[in-house]
Amino acid sequence: MSEHLTQASYPGEIDIKGDRAPVTYKIKAMKEDDGAIHVGVSLTAPRDWLLKHGFRHEATLHRKSGEPVPVRFEETLNVADNIAVTLYTDEFVYRSREELTRSFPELASAVG
């Protein structure tokens, strides 16, 4: 059975072809039975802003702490989609809390 480690929100910026806007992104970390820590990142952004800046499938999330990460929409975004859409990263997997906090320093105090 997995153990919930943390779920928190942080400020960042979404980047589409050099055009940036502030966003709040969420990180969810779970520890699995085998000891691996699985991390998912998501953010919600306005569909019209995304389309106006040429977004179709993928953008970059710039975090105040840590490396930029790609975020994507499952399909190609178009005007028929919801007015606010959720973008996701691929799941990250880490073998230790130290490895996790190197990649996600914003989680250092949350997962100790």
N, C-alpha and C. Protein backbone atom coordinates (compact mmCIF):
# COMPACT_ATOMS: atom_id res chain seq x y z
N MET A 1 0.84 -1.18 0.00
CA MET A 1 0.00 0.00 0.00
C MET A 1 0.89 1.25 0.00
N SER A 2 0.55 2.22 -0.80
CA SER A 2 1.37 3.42 -0.90
C SER A 2 1.11 4.36 0.28
N GLU A 3 2.13 5.17 0.57
CA GLU A 3 2.06 6.14 1.66
C GLU A 3 2.10 7.54 1.06
N HIS A 4 1.11 8.34 1.41
CA HIS A 4 1.06 9.73 0.94
C HIS A 4 2.13 10.52 1.68
N LEU A 5 3.06 11.14 0.95
CA LEU A 5 4.11 11.94 1.58
C LEU A 5 3.73 13.41 1.65
N THR A 6 3.29 13.96 0.55
CA THR A 6 2.90 15.37 0.54
C THR A 6 2.13 15.71 -0.72
N GLN A 7 1.36 16.77 -0.61
CA GLN A 7 0.71 17.39 -1.75
C GLN A 7 0.69 18.88 -1.43
N ALA A 8 1.32 19.69 -2.27
CA ALA A 8 1.42 21.11 -2.00
C ALA A 8 1.45 21.89 -3.31
N SER A 9 1.18 23.19 -3.19
CA SER A 9 1.19 24.09 -4.34
C SER A 9 2.33 25.10 -4.21
N TYR A 10 2.88 25.48 -5.35
CA TYR A 10 4.02 26.40 -5.39
C TYR A 10 3.86 27.35 -6.57
N PRO A 11 4.44 28.56 -6.49
CA PRO A 11 4.40 29.48 -7.62
C PRO A 11 5.47 29.14 -8.65
N GLY A 12 5.14 29.35 -9.90
CA GLY A 12 6.09 29.13 -10.98
C GLY A 12 5.65 29.92 -12.20
N GLU A 13 6.21 29.58 -13.34
CA GLU A 13 5.84 30.22 -14.60
C GLU A 13 5.71 29.17 -15.68
N ILE A 14 4.70 29.35 -16.53
CA ILE A 14 4.57 28.50 -17.70
C ILE A 14 5.20 29.23 -18.87
N ASP A 15 5.90 28.49 -19.71
CA ASP A 15 6.64 29.07 -20.83
C ASP A 15 6.21 28.37 -22.12
N ILE A 16 5.73 29.17 -23.06
CA ILE A 16 5.37 28.67 -24.39
C ILE A 16 6.13 29.52 -25.40
N LYS A 17 7.12 28.91 -26.01
CA LYS A 17 7.91 29.60 -27.04
C LYS A 17 8.44 30.95 -26.56
N GLY A 18 8.87 31.02 -25.30
CA GLY A 18 9.43 32.25 -24.74
C GLY A 18 8.42 33.18 -24.10
N ASP A 19 7.13 32.94 -24.31
CA ASP A 19 6.09 33.73 -23.64
C ASP A 19 5.80 33.08 -22.30
N ARG A 20 5.92 33.87 -21.22
CA ARG A 20 5.73 33.32 -19.87
C ARG A 20 4.56 33.98 -19.15
N ALA A 21 3.97 33.20 -18.25
CA ALA A 21 2.90 33.71 -17.39
C ALA A 21 3.01 33.00 -16.04
N PRO A 22 2.66 33.70 -14.95
CA PRO A 22 2.69 33.05 -13.64
C PRO A 22 1.62 31.97 -13.54
N VAL A 23 1.97 30.89 -12.86
CA VAL A 23 1.03 29.80 -12.59
C VAL A 23 1.32 29.25 -11.20
N THR A 24 0.37 28.53 -10.69
CA THR A 24 0.57 27.75 -9.47
C THR A 24 0.59 26.30 -9.89
N TYR A 25 1.62 25.58 -9.48
CA TYR A 25 1.69 24.17 -9.82
C TYR A 25 1.58 23.34 -8.55
N LYS A 26 1.11 22.12 -8.70
CA LYS A 26 0.92 21.21 -7.58
C LYS A 26 1.87 20.03 -7.72
N ILE A 27 2.41 19.62 -6.59
CA ILE A 27 3.26 18.44 -6.54
C ILE A 27 2.62 17.45 -5.58
N LYS A 28 2.54 16.21 -6.01
CA LYS A 28 2.03 15.13 -5.17
C LYS A 28 3.10 14.06 -5.11
N ALA A 29 3.50 13.67 -3.90
CA ALA A 29 4.52 12.64 -3.72
C ALA A 29 3.96 11.48 -2.91
N MET A 30 4.19 10.26 -3.42
CA MET A 30 3.73 9.03 -2.77
C MET A 30 4.90 8.06 -2.66
N LYS A 31 5.00 7.39 -1.52
CA LYS A 31 6.02 6.35 -1.35
C LYS A 31 5.35 5.00 -1.53
N GLU A 32 5.89 4.22 -2.45
CA GLU A 32 5.31 2.91 -2.75
C GLU A 32 5.91 1.83 -1.84
N ASP A 33 5.32 0.65 -1.85
CA ASP A 33 5.77 -0.46 -1.00
C ASP A 33 7.23 -0.83 -1.23
N ASP A 34 7.71 -0.66 -2.45
CA ASP A 34 9.10 -1.01 -2.76
C ASP A 34 10.09 0.07 -2.33
N GLY A 35 9.58 1.16 -1.72
CA GLY A 35 10.44 2.25 -1.26
C GLY A 35 10.59 3.37 -2.27
N ALA A 36 10.17 3.16 -3.51
CA ALA A 36 10.28 4.19 -4.54
C ALA A 36 9.31 5.33 -4.24
N ILE A 37 9.76 6.54 -4.51
CA ILE A 37 8.91 7.71 -4.33
C ILE A 37 8.47 8.20 -5.71
N HIS A 38 7.16 8.25 -5.90
CA HIS A 38 6.58 8.67 -7.17
C HIS A 38 6.06 10.10 -7.02
N VAL A 39 6.44 10.95 -7.97
CA VAL A 39 6.07 12.36 -7.91
C VAL A 39 5.36 12.75 -9.19
N GLY A 40 4.25 13.42 -9.02
CA GLY A 40 3.51 13.97 -10.15
C GLY A 40 3.38 15.47 -9.99
N VAL A 41 3.48 16.19 -11.09
CA VAL A 41 3.34 17.64 -11.10
C VAL A 41 2.23 18.00 -12.07
N SER A 42 1.39 18.94 -11.67
CA SER A 42 0.32 19.41 -12.55
C SER A 42 0.10 20.90 -12.34
N LEU A 43 -0.53 21.50 -13.33
CA LEU A 43 -0.92 22.90 -13.23
C LEU A 43 -2.15 23.11 -14.07
N THR A 44 -2.92 24.13 -13.72
CA THR A 44 -4.10 24.49 -14.50
C THR A 44 -3.86 25.86 -15.11
N ALA A 45 -4.16 25.98 -16.39
CA ALA A 45 -3.93 27.23 -17.12
C ALA A 45 -5.15 27.55 -17.98
N PRO A 46 -5.36 28.84 -18.25
CA PRO A 46 -6.49 29.24 -19.11
C PRO A 46 -6.30 28.78 -20.56
N ARG A 47 -7.28 28.09 -21.07
CA ARG A 47 -7.23 27.59 -22.44
C ARG A 47 -6.94 28.68 -23.46
N ASP A 48 -7.63 29.82 -23.33
CA ASP A 48 -7.47 30.88 -24.32
C ASP A 48 -6.07 31.48 -24.31
N TRP A 49 -5.46 31.63 -23.13
CA TRP A 49 -4.08 32.13 -23.07
C TRP A 49 -3.15 31.13 -23.74
N LEU A 50 -3.34 29.86 -23.45
CA LEU A 50 -2.50 28.83 -24.06
C LEU A 50 -2.60 28.87 -25.58
N LEU A 51 -3.82 28.90 -26.10
CA LEU A 51 -4.02 28.92 -27.55
C LEU A 51 -3.44 30.19 -28.18
N LYS A 52 -3.64 31.33 -27.51
CA LYS A 52 -3.13 32.61 -28.03
C LYS A 52 -1.61 32.58 -28.19
N HIS A 53 -0.93 31.82 -27.33
CA HIS A 53 0.53 31.76 -27.37
C HIS A 53 1.07 30.54 -28.14
N GLY A 54 0.18 29.88 -28.87
CA GLY A 54 0.61 28.81 -29.76
C GLY A 54 0.72 27.44 -29.14
N PHE A 55 0.20 27.27 -27.91
CA PHE A 55 0.25 25.96 -27.27
C PHE A 55 -0.67 24.99 -27.98
N ARG A 56 -0.19 23.79 -28.19
CA ARG A 56 -1.03 22.73 -28.74
C ARG A 56 -0.95 21.47 -27.87
N HIS A 57 0.25 21.16 -27.38
CA HIS A 57 0.42 19.90 -26.64
C HIS A 57 1.40 20.00 -25.47
N GLU A 58 2.48 20.80 -25.59
CA GLU A 58 3.51 20.80 -24.56
C GLU A 58 4.06 22.20 -24.30
N ALA A 59 4.41 22.46 -23.03
CA ALA A 59 5.02 23.73 -22.60
C ALA A 59 6.08 23.39 -21.56
N THR A 60 6.70 24.41 -21.00
CA THR A 60 7.70 24.21 -19.96
C THR A 60 7.25 24.93 -18.69
N LEU A 61 7.37 24.23 -17.56
CA LEU A 61 7.11 24.82 -16.25
C LEU A 61 8.44 25.23 -15.65
N HIS A 62 8.57 26.51 -15.33
CA HIS A 62 9.76 27.01 -14.64
C HIS A 62 9.40 27.16 -13.17
N ARG A 63 10.14 26.43 -12.34
CA ARG A 63 9.91 26.48 -10.90
C ARG A 63 10.93 27.43 -10.28
N LYS A 64 10.58 28.06 -9.16
CA LYS A 64 11.52 28.94 -8.47
C LYS A 64 12.68 28.12 -7.92
N SER A 65 12.41 26.88 -7.56
CA SER A 65 13.44 25.95 -7.09
C SER A 65 13.47 24.77 -8.04
N GLY A 66 14.64 24.37 -8.46
CA GLY A 66 14.73 23.18 -9.31
C GLY A 66 14.74 23.51 -10.80
N GLU A 67 14.95 22.48 -11.55
CA GLU A 67 15.07 22.57 -13.01
C GLU A 67 13.69 22.72 -13.67
N PRO A 68 13.65 23.38 -14.83
CA PRO A 68 12.39 23.43 -15.59
C PRO A 68 11.96 22.01 -15.99
N VAL A 69 10.65 21.81 -16.07
CA VAL A 69 10.12 20.50 -16.46
C VAL A 69 9.07 20.68 -17.56
N PRO A 70 9.02 19.74 -18.50
CA PRO A 70 7.97 19.81 -19.52
C PRO A 70 6.62 19.40 -18.94
N VAL A 71 5.58 20.11 -19.36
CA VAL A 71 4.21 19.77 -18.99
C VAL A 71 3.43 19.62 -20.29
N ARG A 72 2.44 18.75 -20.26
CA ARG A 72 1.73 18.50 -21.51
C ARG A 72 0.23 18.30 -21.27
N PHE A 73 -0.49 18.47 -22.33
CA PHE A 73 -1.92 18.19 -22.39
C PHE A 73 -2.05 16.86 -23.11
N GLU A 74 -2.95 16.01 -22.68
CA GLU A 74 -3.03 14.66 -23.24
C GLU A 74 -3.30 14.62 -24.73
N GLU A 75 -4.04 15.58 -25.22
CA GLU A 75 -4.35 15.62 -26.65
C GLU A 75 -3.90 16.97 -27.20
N THR A 76 -4.27 17.29 -28.41
CA THR A 76 -3.98 18.60 -28.96
C THR A 76 -5.06 19.57 -28.48
N LEU A 77 -4.65 20.66 -27.85
CA LEU A 77 -5.59 21.63 -27.31
C LEU A 77 -6.30 22.38 -28.44
N ASN A 78 -7.61 22.60 -28.27
CA ASN A 78 -8.36 23.41 -29.23
C ASN A 78 -9.50 24.12 -28.50
N VAL A 79 -10.23 24.96 -29.20
CA VAL A 79 -11.28 25.79 -28.58
C VAL A 79 -12.44 24.98 -28.00
N ALA A 80 -12.56 23.73 -28.34
CA ALA A 80 -13.63 22.90 -27.80
C ALA A 80 -13.30 22.38 -26.40
N ASP A 81 -12.04 22.52 -25.96
CA ASP A 81 -11.65 22.06 -24.63
C ASP A 81 -12.17 23.01 -23.55
N ASN A 82 -12.13 22.55 -22.29
CA ASN A 82 -12.58 23.37 -21.17
C ASN A 82 -11.83 24.69 -21.13
N ILE A 83 -12.44 25.69 -20.53
CA ILE A 83 -11.85 27.02 -20.46
C ILE A 83 -10.57 27.04 -19.62
N ALA A 84 -10.46 26.12 -18.68
CA ALA A 84 -9.22 25.93 -17.92
C ALA A 84 -8.81 24.48 -18.11
N VAL A 85 -7.56 24.26 -18.45
CA VAL A 85 -7.09 22.90 -18.71
C VAL A 85 -5.95 22.55 -17.78
N THR A 86 -5.85 21.28 -17.47
CA THR A 86 -4.78 20.80 -16.59
C THR A 86 -3.69 20.17 -17.43
N LEU A 87 -2.46 20.60 -17.16
CA LEU A 87 -1.27 20.05 -17.82
C LEU A 87 -0.52 19.23 -16.79
N TYR A 88 0.13 18.16 -17.25
CA TYR A 88 0.82 17.22 -16.37
C TYR A 88 2.25 16.98 -16.83
N THR A 89 3.08 16.53 -15.89
CA THR A 89 4.40 16.01 -16.24
C THR A 89 4.29 14.50 -16.31
N ASP A 90 5.28 13.87 -16.90
CA ASP A 90 5.41 12.43 -16.72
C ASP A 90 5.73 12.21 -15.25
N GLU A 91 5.42 11.05 -14.73
CA GLU A 91 5.70 10.76 -13.34
C GLU A 91 7.21 10.61 -13.13
N PHE A 92 7.71 11.20 -12.07
CA PHE A 92 9.12 11.06 -11.68
C PHE A 92 9.20 9.98 -10.61
N VAL A 93 10.25 9.17 -10.65
CA VAL A 93 10.43 8.11 -9.66
C VAL A 93 11.82 8.26 -9.05
N TYR A 94 11.87 8.25 -7.73
CA TYR A 94 13.13 8.41 -6.99
C TYR A 94 13.29 7.25 -6.01
N ARG A 95 14.53 6.90 -5.74
CA ARG A 95 14.82 5.79 -4.82
C ARG A 95 15.01 6.25 -3.38
N SER A 96 15.20 7.56 -3.16
CA SER A 96 15.39 8.05 -1.79
C SER A 96 14.84 9.46 -1.65
N ARG A 97 14.62 9.87 -0.41
CA ARG A 97 14.17 11.24 -0.16
C ARG A 97 15.24 12.24 -0.55
N GLU A 98 16.50 11.87 -0.40
CA GLU A 98 17.61 12.76 -0.78
C GLU A 98 17.59 13.02 -2.29
N GLU A 99 17.40 11.96 -3.05
CA GLU A 99 17.31 12.09 -4.52
C GLU A 99 16.10 12.97 -4.89
N LEU A 100 15.00 12.76 -4.19
CA LEU A 100 13.79 13.55 -4.42
C LEU A 100 14.05 15.03 -4.16
N THR A 101 14.64 15.37 -3.03
CA THR A 101 14.83 16.78 -2.70
C THR A 101 15.92 17.44 -3.53
N ARG A 102 16.81 16.67 -4.14
CA ARG A 102 17.75 17.26 -5.10
C ARG A 102 17.01 17.74 -6.34
N SER A 103 16.05 16.95 -6.79
CA SER A 103 15.27 17.32 -7.98
C SER A 103 14.14 18.29 -7.66
N PHE A 104 13.58 18.17 -6.47
CA PHE A 104 12.48 19.03 -6.05
C PHE A 104 12.82 19.66 -4.70
N PRO A 105 13.72 20.67 -4.70
CA PRO A 105 14.12 21.29 -3.43
C PRO A 105 12.95 21.91 -2.68
N GLU A 106 11.88 22.28 -3.38
CA GLU A 106 10.74 22.86 -2.72
C GLU A 106 10.06 21.87 -1.78
N LEU A 107 10.34 20.57 -1.92
CA LEU A 107 9.75 19.55 -1.05
C LEU A 107 10.61 19.24 0.17
N ALA A 108 11.76 19.85 0.31
CA ALA A 108 12.71 19.49 1.39
C ALA A 108 12.07 19.54 2.76
N SER A 109 11.31 20.57 3.07
CA SER A 109 10.70 20.66 4.39
C SER A 109 9.47 19.77 4.52
N ALA A 110 8.84 19.44 3.41
CA ALA A 110 7.62 18.64 3.45
C ALA A 110 7.88 17.15 3.64
N VAL A 111 9.02 16.64 3.13
CA VAL A 111 9.29 15.21 3.23
C VAL A 111 10.46 14.91 4.14
N GLY A 112 11.08 15.95 4.70
CA GLY A 112 12.16 15.86 5.67
C GLY A 112 13.11 14.80 5.44
